[in-house]
Amino acid sequence: MRWRFVLSEMAIGLRRNLSMTIATILTIWIALAFLGGAWLFNQQINATKDYWFGKIQISVFLTKDVTQPERDAIRQQLEALPQVDKVFYESKSEAYIHFKDQFKSVPALVKNTDPSALPESYRVKLKDPKKFAIVASAVQNMPGVDQVAAEAQALKKIFKLFSGLRNGMLVVAIAILLASILLIFNNVRLAAFSRRRETGIMRLVGASDLYIQAPFILEITTSALIGGILASLLMFAIKAVIVDHGLKSAFGGILTYIGWGAVWGTIPYLILAGILIAGVTAFGTLQRYLRV
């Protein structure tokens, strides 16, 4: 195969259908950007869950008039549960020390809080943090128990927000990818129709199907490559603007954040996905419309 001729035909085709080429690049760029963004948000969700699920504890707060037999019964019940790893008792004085450390940046709140107002509690570390509901239901109605709280409940809204953003971006990405496929289909079909005389001559002189189809496929995959590179650049912007500045400003240190390695790891798959989608669509279209 004369690759110099194939590449020259590809360049001619890109210039001849410049408006369609630009449209293909833009749609693939936007589709891959949303797809990559959804993937980064999925990694952010997984990183946050892995970090926090290993730290989740259940706090069993006791009533003000709890008796020692009730304390012992609650502890025995907790230690008997197979989902429980360790049980720690926190007195009122220890709770106040932790309260002062947690809210040291708000001295007025610490000063106006009575040490006796903080309840004693059991801090429960779980073997499997996902099963906190089982442990909570086992003790929440026992005498001496005021309420049962788990850090996971406070994280549900954050996970729900991230999941909503991820799913929304994924839906938009799929919709635009479908539009890209249709655009590639029409682009290749029109290109094949406009060059049917040249392809007919090539067929008469014995050119193979691959030799005839190669310029068309390379035109589309080149457009997809450019769109993939632009989408990859946008991944860095998502990491810098949305993750490093947006999420960190909103949630601070309560989350763990994806690093730049996640962006670099996403880019090859993003570009490869764009090229494969464009190449397969172009090849399938040519099988039907490039017949001489």
C-alpha atoms as a PDB file:
ATOM      1  CA  MET A   1       0.000   0.000   0.000  1.00  0.00           C
ATOM      2  CA  ARG A   2       1.291   3.452  -0.925  1.00  0.00           C
ATOM      3  CA  TRP A   3       0.893   5.290   2.343  1.00  0.00           C
ATOM      4  CA  ARG A   4       2.055   8.597   0.882  1.00  0.00           C
ATOM      5  CA  PHE A   5      -0.891   8.557  -1.523  1.00  0.00           C
ATOM      6  CA  VAL A   6      -3.305   7.492   1.251  1.00  0.00           C
ATOM      7  CA  LEU A   7      -2.119  10.312   3.532  1.00  0.00           C
ATOM      8  CA  SER A   8      -2.360  12.884   0.747  1.00  0.00           C
ATOM      9  CA  GLU A   9      -5.928  11.763   0.005  1.00  0.00           C
ATOM     10  CA  MET A  10      -6.730  12.038   3.692  1.00  0.00           C
ATOM     11  CA  ALA A  11      -5.394  15.621   3.800  1.00  0.00           C
ATOM     12  CA  ILE A  12      -7.397  16.537   0.691  1.00  0.00           C
ATOM     13  CA  GLY A  13     -10.523  15.064   2.252  1.00  0.00           C
ATOM     14  CA  LEU A  14     -10.045  17.008   5.488  1.00  0.00           C
ATOM     15  CA  ARG A  15      -9.691  20.282   3.573  1.00  0.00           C
ATOM     16  CA  ARG A  16     -12.540  19.510   1.182  1.00  0.00           C
ATOM     17  CA  ASN A  17     -14.995  18.817   4.029  1.00  0.00           C
ATOM     18  CA  LEU A  18     -13.592  21.384   6.437  1.00  0.00           C
ATOM     19  CA  SER A  19     -16.916  22.373   7.999  1.00  0.00           C
ATOM     20  CA  MET A  20     -17.897  18.734   8.615  1.00  0.00           C
ATOM     21  CA  THR A  21     -14.424  18.028   9.986  1.00  0.00           C
ATOM     22  CA  ILE A  22     -14.696  20.887  12.476  1.00  0.00           C
ATOM     23  CA  ALA A  23     -18.181  19.745  13.500  1.00  0.00           C
ATOM     24  CA  THR A  24     -16.900  16.205  14.049  1.00  0.00           C
ATOM     25  CA  ILE A  25     -13.987  17.434  16.155  1.00  0.00           C
ATOM     26  CA  LEU A  26     -16.249  19.611  18.307  1.00  0.00           C
ATOM     27  CA  THR A  27     -18.871  16.951  18.969  1.00  0.00           C
ATOM     28  CA  ILE A  28     -16.263  14.307  19.826  1.00  0.00           C
ATOM     29  CA  TRP A  29     -14.452  16.810  22.023  1.00  0.00           C
ATOM     30  CA  ILE A  30     -17.585  17.670  24.002  1.00  0.00           C
ATOM     31  CA  ALA A  31     -18.723  14.041  24.263  1.00  0.00           C
ATOM     32  CA  LEU A  32     -15.339  12.807  25.472  1.00  0.00           C
ATOM     33  CA  ALA A  33     -15.042  15.742  27.875  1.00  0.00           C
ATOM     34  CA  PHE A  34     -18.306  14.798  29.563  1.00  0.00           C
ATOM     35  CA  LEU A  35     -17.341  11.119  29.510  1.00  0.00           C
ATOM     36  CA  GLY A  36     -13.954  11.862  31.070  1.00  0.00           C
ATOM     37  CA  GLY A  37     -15.533  14.198  33.607  1.00  0.00           C
ATOM     38  CA  ALA A  38     -17.989  11.490  34.661  1.00  0.00           C
ATOM     39  CA  TRP A  39     -15.111   9.044  35.054  1.00  0.00           C
ATOM     40  CA  LEU A  40     -13.121  11.494  37.201  1.00  0.00           C
ATOM     41  CA  PHE A  41     -16.156  12.100  39.406  1.00  0.00           C
ATOM     42  CA  ASN A  42     -16.586   8.341  39.753  1.00  0.00           C
ATOM     43  CA  GLN A  43     -12.973   8.069  40.912  1.00  0.00           C
ATOM     44  CA  GLN A  44     -13.554  10.954  43.322  1.00  0.00           C
ATOM     45  CA  ILE A  45     -16.555   9.147  44.810  1.00  0.00           C
ATOM     46  CA  ASN A  46     -14.586   5.915  45.198  1.00  0.00           C
ATOM     47  CA  ALA A  47     -11.625   7.716  46.773  1.00  0.00           C
ATOM     48  CA  THR A  48     -13.891   9.477  49.273  1.00  0.00           C
ATOM     49  CA  LYS A  49     -15.755   6.289  50.151  1.00  0.00           C
ATOM     50  CA  ASP A  50     -12.553   4.286  50.601  1.00  0.00           C
ATOM     51  CA  TYR A  51     -11.141   6.986  52.870  1.00  0.00           C
ATOM     52  CA  TRP A  52     -14.192   7.547  55.033  1.00  0.00           C
ATOM     53  CA  PHE A  53     -15.594   4.029  55.252  1.00  0.00           C
ATOM     54  CA  GLY A  54     -12.351   3.020  56.946  1.00  0.00           C
ATOM     55  CA  LYS A  55     -12.883   5.736  59.562  1.00  0.00           C
ATOM     56  CA  ILE A  56     -16.609   5.402  60.219  1.00  0.00           C
ATOM     57  CA  GLN A  57     -17.584   4.858  63.835  1.00  0.00           C
ATOM     58  CA  ILE A  58     -20.947   4.544  65.482  1.00  0.00           C
ATOM     59  CA  SER A  59     -21.558   6.783  68.473  1.00  0.00           C
ATOM     60  CA  VAL A  60     -24.037   5.379  70.998  1.00  0.00           C
ATOM     61  CA  PHE A  61     -25.025   8.347  73.188  1.00  0.00           C
ATOM     62  CA  LEU A  62     -26.334   7.507  76.644  1.00  0.00           C
ATOM     63  CA  THR A  63     -29.130   9.195  78.558  1.00  0.00           C
ATOM     64  CA  LYS A  64     -28.423  11.542  81.477  1.00  0.00           C
ATOM     65  CA  ASP A  65     -29.903   9.120  84.015  1.00  0.00           C
ATOM     66  CA  VAL A  66     -28.283   5.955  82.654  1.00  0.00           C
ATOM     67  CA  THR A  67     -27.380   3.413  85.344  1.00  0.00           C
ATOM     68  CA  GLN A  68     -24.276   1.285  85.564  1.00  0.00           C
ATOM     69  CA  PRO A  69     -26.164  -1.975  84.835  1.00  0.00           C
ATOM     70  CA  GLU A  70     -27.575  -0.330  81.703  1.00  0.00           C
ATOM     71  CA  ARG A  71     -24.076   0.764  80.656  1.00  0.00           C
ATOM     72  CA  ASP A  72     -22.798  -2.770  81.116  1.00  0.00           C
ATOM     73  CA  ALA A  73     -25.724  -4.263  79.182  1.00  0.00           C
ATOM     74  CA  ILE A  74     -25.192  -1.892  76.263  1.00  0.00           C
ATOM     75  CA  ARG A  75     -21.478  -2.644  76.113  1.00  0.00           C
ATOM     76  CA  GLN A  76     -22.077  -6.403  76.303  1.00  0.00           C
ATOM     77  CA  GLN A  77     -24.607  -6.164  73.475  1.00  0.00           C
ATOM     78  CA  LEU A  78     -22.175  -4.194  71.303  1.00  0.00           C
ATOM     79  CA  GLU A  79     -19.242  -6.509  71.956  1.00  0.00           C
ATOM     80  CA  ALA A  80     -21.393  -9.553  71.168  1.00  0.00           C
ATOM     81  CA  LEU A  81     -22.214  -8.312  67.657  1.00  0.00           C
ATOM     82  CA  PRO A  82     -20.070  -9.938  64.938  1.00  0.00           C
ATOM     83  CA  GLN A  83     -19.982  -6.656  62.967  1.00  0.00           C
ATOM     84  CA  VAL A  84     -18.197  -4.832  65.823  1.00  0.00           C
ATOM     85  CA  ASP A  85     -14.406  -4.637  65.979  1.00  0.00           C
ATOM     86  CA  LYS A  86     -13.791  -2.526  69.104  1.00  0.00           C
ATOM     87  CA  VAL A  87     -15.854  -0.598  71.662  1.00  0.00           C
ATOM     88  CA  PHE A  88     -14.537   2.496  73.450  1.00  0.00           C
ATOM     89  CA  TYR A  89     -16.217   4.287  76.356  1.00  0.00           C
ATOM     90  CA  GLU A  90     -16.129   8.103  76.379  1.00  0.00           C
ATOM     91  CA  SER A  91     -17.045   9.880  79.601  1.00  0.00           C
ATOM     92  CA  LYS A  92     -18.506  13.375  79.834  1.00  0.00           C
ATOM     93  CA  SER A  93     -15.130  14.866  80.691  1.00  0.00           C
ATOM     94  CA  GLU A  94     -13.460  13.115  77.744  1.00  0.00           C
ATOM     95  CA  ALA A  95     -16.283  14.260  75.475  1.00  0.00           C
ATOM     96  CA  TYR A  96     -15.713  17.852  76.589  1.00  0.00           C
ATOM     97  CA  ILE A  97     -11.975  17.585  75.877  1.00  0.00           C
ATOM     98  CA  HIS A  98     -12.718  16.342  72.360  1.00  0.00           C
ATOM     99  CA  PHE A  99     -15.343  19.073  71.940  1.00  0.00           C
ATOM    100  CA  LYS A 100     -12.832  21.793  72.854  1.00  0.00           C
ATOM    101  CA  ASP A 101     -10.284  20.383  70.425  1.00  0.00           C
ATOM    102  CA  GLN A 102     -12.825  20.086  67.607  1.00  0.00           C
ATOM    103  CA  PHE A 103     -14.189  23.610  68.029  1.00  0.00           C
ATOM    104  CA  LYS A 104     -11.036  25.408  69.125  1.00  0.00           C
ATOM    105  CA  SER A 105     -11.504  27.823  66.220  1.00  0.00           C
ATOM    106  CA  VAL A 106     -14.817  28.936  67.793  1.00  0.00           C
ATOM    107  CA  PRO A 107     -13.825  29.964  71.340  1.00  0.00           C
ATOM    108  CA  ALA A 108     -17.192  31.596  72.080  1.00  0.00           C
ATOM    109  CA  LEU A 109     -18.976  28.287  71.527  1.00  0.00           C
ATOM    110  CA  VAL A 110     -16.543  26.434  73.791  1.00  0.00           C
ATOM    111  CA  LYS A 111     -16.843  29.068  76.519  1.00  0.00           C
ATOM    112  CA  ASN A 112     -20.654  28.964  76.535  1.00  0.00           C
ATOM    113  CA  THR A 113     -20.897  25.166  76.550  1.00  0.00           C
ATOM    114  CA  ASP A 114     -21.362  23.475  79.935  1.00  0.00           C
ATOM    115  CA  PRO A 115     -19.112  20.382  80.263  1.00  0.00           C
ATOM    116  CA  SER A 116     -22.002  18.479  81.831  1.00  0.00           C
ATOM    117  CA  ALA A 117     -24.162  19.120  78.748  1.00  0.00           C
ATOM    118  CA  LEU A 118     -22.152  16.688  76.647  1.00  0.00           C
ATOM    119  CA  PRO A 119     -23.374  13.091  76.964  1.00  0.00           C
ATOM    120  CA  GLU A 120     -21.258  10.055  77.684  1.00  0.00           C
ATOM    121  CA  SER A 121     -21.134   7.551  74.877  1.00  0.00           C
ATOM    122  CA  TYR A 122     -19.718   4.374  73.410  1.00  0.00           C
ATOM    123  CA  ARG A 123     -17.588   4.763  70.282  1.00  0.00           C
ATOM    124  CA  VAL A 124     -17.907   1.658  68.148  1.00  0.00           C
ATOM    125  CA  LYS A 125     -15.425   0.711  65.420  1.00  0.00           C
ATOM    126  CA  LEU A 126     -16.895  -1.639  62.831  1.00  0.00           C
ATOM    127  CA  LYS A 127     -15.317  -4.519  60.917  1.00  0.00           C
ATOM    128  CA  ASP A 128     -17.413  -3.630  57.888  1.00  0.00           C
ATOM    129  CA  PRO A 129     -18.450   0.056  57.959  1.00  0.00           C
ATOM    130  CA  LYS A 130     -21.204  -0.590  55.418  1.00  0.00           C
ATOM    131  CA  LYS A 131     -23.126  -2.571  58.041  1.00  0.00           C
ATOM    132  CA  PHE A 132     -23.479   0.276  60.534  1.00  0.00           C
ATOM    133  CA  ALA A 133     -27.299   0.092  60.277  1.00  0.00           C
ATOM    134  CA  ILE A 134     -27.300  -3.448  61.707  1.00  0.00           C
ATOM    135  CA  VAL A 135     -25.316  -2.371  64.765  1.00  0.00           C
ATOM    136  CA  ALA A 136     -27.403   0.762  65.254  1.00  0.00           C
ATOM    137  CA  SER A 137     -30.698  -1.149  65.168  1.00  0.00           C
ATOM    138  CA  ALA A 138     -29.387  -3.671  67.719  1.00  0.00           C
ATOM    139  CA  VAL A 139     -28.915  -1.082  70.509  1.00  0.00           C
ATOM    140  CA  GLN A 140     -30.983   1.994  69.690  1.00  0.00           C
ATOM    141  CA  ASN A 141     -34.028   0.799  71.691  1.00  0.00           C
ATOM    142  CA  MET A 142     -32.116  -0.463  74.720  1.00  0.00           C
ATOM    143  CA  PRO A 143     -32.661   1.205  78.129  1.00  0.00           C
ATOM    144  CA  GLY A 144     -30.093   3.945  78.719  1.00  0.00           C
ATOM    145  CA  VAL A 145     -29.570   4.709  75.015  1.00  0.00           C
ATOM    146  CA  ASP A 146     -30.483   8.246  73.986  1.00  0.00           C
ATOM    147  CA  GLN A 147     -29.576   8.069  70.271  1.00  0.00           C
ATOM    148  CA  VAL A 148     -27.263   6.313  67.844  1.00  0.00           C
ATOM    149  CA  ALA A 149     -25.373   8.337  65.253  1.00  0.00           C
ATOM    150  CA  ALA A 150     -23.004   7.320  62.477  1.00  0.00           C
ATOM    151  CA  GLU A 151     -20.644   9.497  60.470  1.00  0.00           C
ATOM    152  CA  ALA A 152     -21.892   7.766  57.334  1.00  0.00           C
ATOM    153  CA  GLN A 153     -25.218   9.543  57.643  1.00  0.00           C
ATOM    154  CA  ALA A 154     -23.480  12.899  57.321  1.00  0.00           C
ATOM    155  CA  LEU A 155     -21.687  11.732  54.181  1.00  0.00           C
ATOM    156  CA  LYS A 156     -24.774  10.523  52.333  1.00  0.00           C
ATOM    157  CA  LYS A 157     -25.600  13.993  51.001  1.00  0.00           C
ATOM    158  CA  ILE A 158     -22.059  14.455  49.705  1.00  0.00           C
ATOM    159  CA  PHE A 159     -22.086  11.063  47.970  1.00  0.00           C
ATOM    160  CA  LYS A 160     -25.531  11.827  46.561  1.00  0.00           C
ATOM    161  CA  LEU A 161     -24.272  15.138  45.141  1.00  0.00           C
ATOM    162  CA  PHE A 162     -21.241  13.516  43.511  1.00  0.00           C
ATOM    163  CA  SER A 163     -23.327  10.637  42.133  1.00  0.00           C
ATOM    164  CA  GLY A 164     -25.831  13.088  40.665  1.00  0.00           C
ATOM    165  CA  LEU A 165     -23.073  15.060  38.938  1.00  0.00           C
ATOM    166  CA  ARG A 166     -21.485  11.875  37.617  1.00  0.00           C
ATOM    167  CA  ASN A 167     -24.768  10.453  36.310  1.00  0.00           C
ATOM    168  CA  GLY A 168     -25.745  13.768  34.732  1.00  0.00           C
ATOM    169  CA  MET A 169     -22.421  14.055  32.923  1.00  0.00           C
ATOM    170  CA  LEU A 170     -22.675  10.432  31.801  1.00  0.00           C
ATOM    171  CA  VAL A 171     -26.145  10.966  30.321  1.00  0.00           C
ATOM    172  CA  VAL A 172     -24.989  14.075  28.456  1.00  0.00           C
ATOM    173  CA  ALA A 173     -21.880  12.233  27.241  1.00  0.00           C
ATOM    174  CA  ILE A 174     -23.931   9.336  25.866  1.00  0.00           C
ATOM    175  CA  ALA A 175     -26.337  11.716  24.131  1.00  0.00           C
ATOM    176  CA  ILE A 176     -23.510  13.668  22.489  1.00  0.00           C
ATOM    177  CA  LEU A 177     -21.685  10.452  21.560  1.00  0.00           C
ATOM    178  CA  LEU A 178     -24.803   9.303  19.726  1.00  0.00           C
ATOM    179  CA  ALA A 179     -24.902  12.659  17.942  1.00  0.00           C
ATOM    180  CA  SER A 180     -21.210  12.214  17.087  1.00  0.00           C
ATOM    181  CA  ILE A 181     -21.856   8.766  15.621  1.00  0.00           C
ATOM    182  CA  LEU A 182     -24.670  10.141  13.456  1.00  0.00           C
ATOM    183  CA  LEU A 183     -22.464  13.022  12.338  1.00  0.00           C
ATOM    184  CA  ILE A 184     -19.604  10.653  11.468  1.00  0.00           C
ATOM    185  CA  PHE A 185     -22.065   8.433   9.595  1.00  0.00           C
ATOM    186  CA  ASN A 186     -23.315  11.347   7.470  1.00  0.00           C
ATOM    187  CA  ASN A 187     -19.819  12.757   6.998  1.00  0.00           C
ATOM    188  CA  VAL A 188     -18.432   9.471   5.685  1.00  0.00           C
ATOM    189  CA  ARG A 189     -21.497   8.835   3.526  1.00  0.00           C
ATOM    190  CA  LEU A 190     -21.282  12.255   1.879  1.00  0.00           C
ATOM    191  CA  ALA A 191     -17.522  11.916   1.381  1.00  0.00           C
ATOM    192  CA  ALA A 192     -17.970   8.505  -0.245  1.00  0.00           C
ATOM    193  CA  PHE A 193     -20.686   9.878  -2.531  1.00  0.00           C
ATOM    194  CA  SER A 194     -18.671  12.940  -3.586  1.00  0.00           C
ATOM    195  CA  ARG A 195     -15.621  10.806  -4.427  1.00  0.00           C
ATOM    196  CA  ARG A 196     -17.420   7.892  -6.045  1.00  0.00           C
ATOM    197  CA  ARG A 197     -15.715   8.586  -9.413  1.00  0.00           C
ATOM    198  CA  GLU A 198     -12.205   8.402  -7.924  1.00  0.00           C
ATOM    199  CA  THR A 199     -13.014   5.257  -5.975  1.00  0.00           C
ATOM    200  CA  GLY A 200     -14.536   3.712  -9.101  1.00  0.00           C
ATOM    201  CA  ILE A 201     -11.319   4.297 -11.034  1.00  0.00           C
ATOM    202  CA  MET A 202      -9.273   2.835  -8.162  1.00  0.00           C
ATOM    203  CA  ARG A 203     -11.504  -0.230  -8.167  1.00  0.00           C
ATOM    204  CA  LEU A 204     -11.023  -0.675 -11.953  1.00  0.00           C
ATOM    205  CA  VAL A 205      -7.233  -0.592 -11.674  1.00  0.00           C
ATOM    206  CA  GLY A 206      -7.336  -3.319  -8.989  1.00  0.00           C
ATOM    207  CA  ALA A 207      -7.072  -1.373  -5.739  1.00  0.00           C
ATOM    208  CA  SER A 208      -8.067  -3.372  -2.655  1.00  0.00           C
ATOM    209  CA  ASP A 209     -10.971  -2.452  -0.381  1.00  0.00           C
ATOM    210  CA  LEU A 210      -8.567  -1.468   2.408  1.00  0.00           C
ATOM    211  CA  TYR A 211      -6.614   0.806   0.077  1.00  0.00           C
ATOM    212  CA  ILE A 212      -9.815   2.554  -1.038  1.00  0.00           C
ATOM    213  CA  GLN A 213     -11.307   2.857   2.449  1.00  0.00           C
ATOM    214  CA  ALA A 214      -8.126   3.907   4.287  1.00  0.00           C
ATOM    215  CA  PRO A 215      -8.280   7.673   3.454  1.00  0.00           C
ATOM    216  CA  PHE A 216     -11.899   7.905   4.675  1.00  0.00           C
ATOM    217  CA  ILE A 217     -11.153   6.068   7.917  1.00  0.00           C
ATOM    218  CA  LEU A 218      -8.011   8.119   8.556  1.00  0.00           C
ATOM    219  CA  GLU A 219      -9.923  11.370   8.017  1.00  0.00           C
ATOM    220  CA  ILE A 220     -12.413  10.485  10.737  1.00  0.00           C
ATOM    221  CA  THR A 221      -9.906   9.000  13.177  1.00  0.00           C
ATOM    222  CA  THR A 222      -7.701  12.083  12.794  1.00  0.00           C
ATOM    223  CA  SER A 223     -10.675  14.270  13.682  1.00  0.00           C
ATOM    224  CA  ALA A 224     -11.380  11.980  16.663  1.00  0.00           C
ATOM    225  CA  LEU A 225      -7.735  12.184  17.741  1.00  0.00           C
ATOM    226  CA  ILE A 226      -7.851  15.976  17.745  1.00  0.00           C
ATOM    227  CA  GLY A 227     -11.134  15.911  19.673  1.00  0.00           C
ATOM    228  CA  GLY A 228      -9.635  13.462  22.174  1.00  0.00           C
ATOM    229  CA  ILE A 229      -6.593  15.670  22.735  1.00  0.00           C
ATOM    230  CA  LEU A 230      -8.825  18.708  23.342  1.00  0.00           C
ATOM    231  CA  ALA A 231     -10.965  16.668  25.772  1.00  0.00           C
ATOM    232  CA  SER A 232      -7.800  15.532  27.571  1.00  0.00           C
ATOM    233  CA  LEU A 233      -6.717  19.133  28.057  1.00  0.00           C
ATOM    234  CA  LEU A 234     -10.134  19.824  29.551  1.00  0.00           C
ATOM    235  CA  MET A 235      -9.549  17.017  32.100  1.00  0.00           C
ATOM    236  CA  PHE A 236      -6.696  19.044  33.557  1.00  0.00           C
ATOM    237  CA  ALA A 237      -9.031  22.031  33.820  1.00  0.00           C
ATOM    238  CA  ILE A 238     -11.653  19.902  35.622  1.00  0.00           C
ATOM    239  CA  LYS A 239      -9.031  18.711  38.110  1.00  0.00           C
ATOM    240  CA  ALA A 240      -7.597  22.192  38.707  1.00  0.00           C
ATOM    241  CA  VAL A 241     -10.837  24.192  38.796  1.00  0.00           C
ATOM    242  CA  ILE A 242     -13.592  21.846  39.994  1.00  0.00           C
ATOM    243  CA  VAL A 243     -11.659  19.466  42.251  1.00  0.00           C
ATOM    244  CA  ASP A 244      -8.747  21.517  43.602  1.00  0.00           C
ATOM    245  CA  HIS A 245     -10.607  24.800  43.969  1.00  0.00           C
ATOM    246  CA  GLY A 246     -14.330  24.019  43.893  1.00  0.00           C
ATOM    247  CA  LEU A 247     -14.579  20.894  46.049  1.00  0.00           C
ATOM    248  CA  LYS A 248     -11.744  21.836  48.381  1.00  0.00           C
ATOM    249  CA  SER A 249     -13.286  25.235  48.993  1.00  0.00           C
ATOM    250  CA  ALA A 250     -16.713  23.707  49.657  1.00  0.00           C
ATOM    251  CA  PHE A 251     -15.732  20.669  51.741  1.00  0.00           C
ATOM    252  CA  GLY A 252     -12.209  21.398  52.951  1.00  0.00           C
ATOM    253  CA  GLY A 253     -10.467  18.560  54.741  1.00  0.00           C
ATOM    254  CA  ILE A 254     -13.483  16.291  55.215  1.00  0.00           C
ATOM    255  CA  LEU A 255     -12.858  14.676  51.816  1.00  0.00           C
ATOM    256  CA  THR A 256      -9.905  13.003  50.190  1.00  0.00           C
ATOM    257  CA  TYR A 257      -9.294  14.165  46.643  1.00  0.00           C
ATOM    258  CA  ILE A 258      -8.080  12.483  43.473  1.00  0.00           C
ATOM    259  CA  GLY A 259      -4.562  13.342  42.347  1.00  0.00           C
ATOM    260  CA  TRP A 260      -3.102  14.252  38.987  1.00  0.00           C
ATOM    261  CA  GLY A 261      -2.333  10.584  38.420  1.00  0.00           C
ATOM    262  CA  ALA A 262      -6.043   9.948  37.953  1.00  0.00           C
ATOM    263  CA  VAL A 263      -6.108  12.525  35.142  1.00  0.00           C
ATOM    264  CA  TRP A 264      -3.048  11.101  33.398  1.00  0.00           C
ATOM    265  CA  GLY A 265      -4.529   7.611  33.720  1.00  0.00           C
ATOM    266  CA  THR A 266      -7.810   8.708  32.126  1.00  0.00           C
ATOM    267  CA  ILE A 267      -6.334  10.416  29.070  1.00  0.00           C
ATOM    268  CA  PRO A 268      -5.146   7.326  27.079  1.00  0.00           C
ATOM    269  CA  TYR A 269      -8.533   5.615  27.462  1.00  0.00           C
ATOM    270  CA  LEU A 270     -10.323   8.812  26.474  1.00  0.00           C
ATOM    271  CA  ILE A 271      -8.330   9.239  23.262  1.00  0.00           C
ATOM    272  CA  LEU A 272      -8.548   5.527  22.448  1.00  0.00           C
ATOM    273  CA  ALA A 273     -12.333   5.545  22.975  1.00  0.00           C
ATOM    274  CA  GLY A 274     -12.730   8.472  20.559  1.00  0.00           C
ATOM    275  CA  ILE A 275     -10.583   6.830  17.876  1.00  0.00           C
ATOM    276  CA  LEU A 276     -12.332   3.454  18.204  1.00  0.00           C
ATOM    277  CA  ILE A 277     -15.824   4.962  18.065  1.00  0.00           C
ATOM    278  CA  ALA A 278     -14.940   7.032  15.008  1.00  0.00           C
ATOM    279  CA  GLY A 279     -13.055   4.229  13.268  1.00  0.00           C
ATOM    280  CA  VAL A 280     -15.724   1.569  13.807  1.00  0.00           C
ATOM    281  CA  THR A 281     -18.499   3.947  12.715  1.00  0.00           C
ATOM    282  CA  ALA A 282     -16.589   4.948   9.583  1.00  0.00           C
ATOM    283  CA  PHE A 283     -15.748   1.356   8.691  1.00  0.00           C
ATOM    284  CA  GLY A 284     -19.361   0.228   9.113  1.00  0.00           C
ATOM    285  CA  THR A 285     -20.617   3.116   6.997  1.00  0.00           C
ATOM    286  CA  LEU A 286     -18.142   2.387   4.212  1.00  0.00           C
ATOM    287  CA  GLN A 287     -19.217  -1.247   4.041  1.00  0.00           C
ATOM    288  CA  ARG A 288     -22.640  -0.059   3.037  1.00  0.00           C
ATOM    289  CA  TYR A 289     -22.079   3.081   1.001  1.00  0.00           C
ATOM    290  CA  LEU A 290     -18.672   2.606  -0.648  1.00  0.00           C
ATOM    291  CA  ARG A 291     -19.758   0.129  -3.266  1.00  0.00           C
ATOM    292  CA  VAL A 292     -18.754   0.683  -6.856  1.00  0.00           C
END
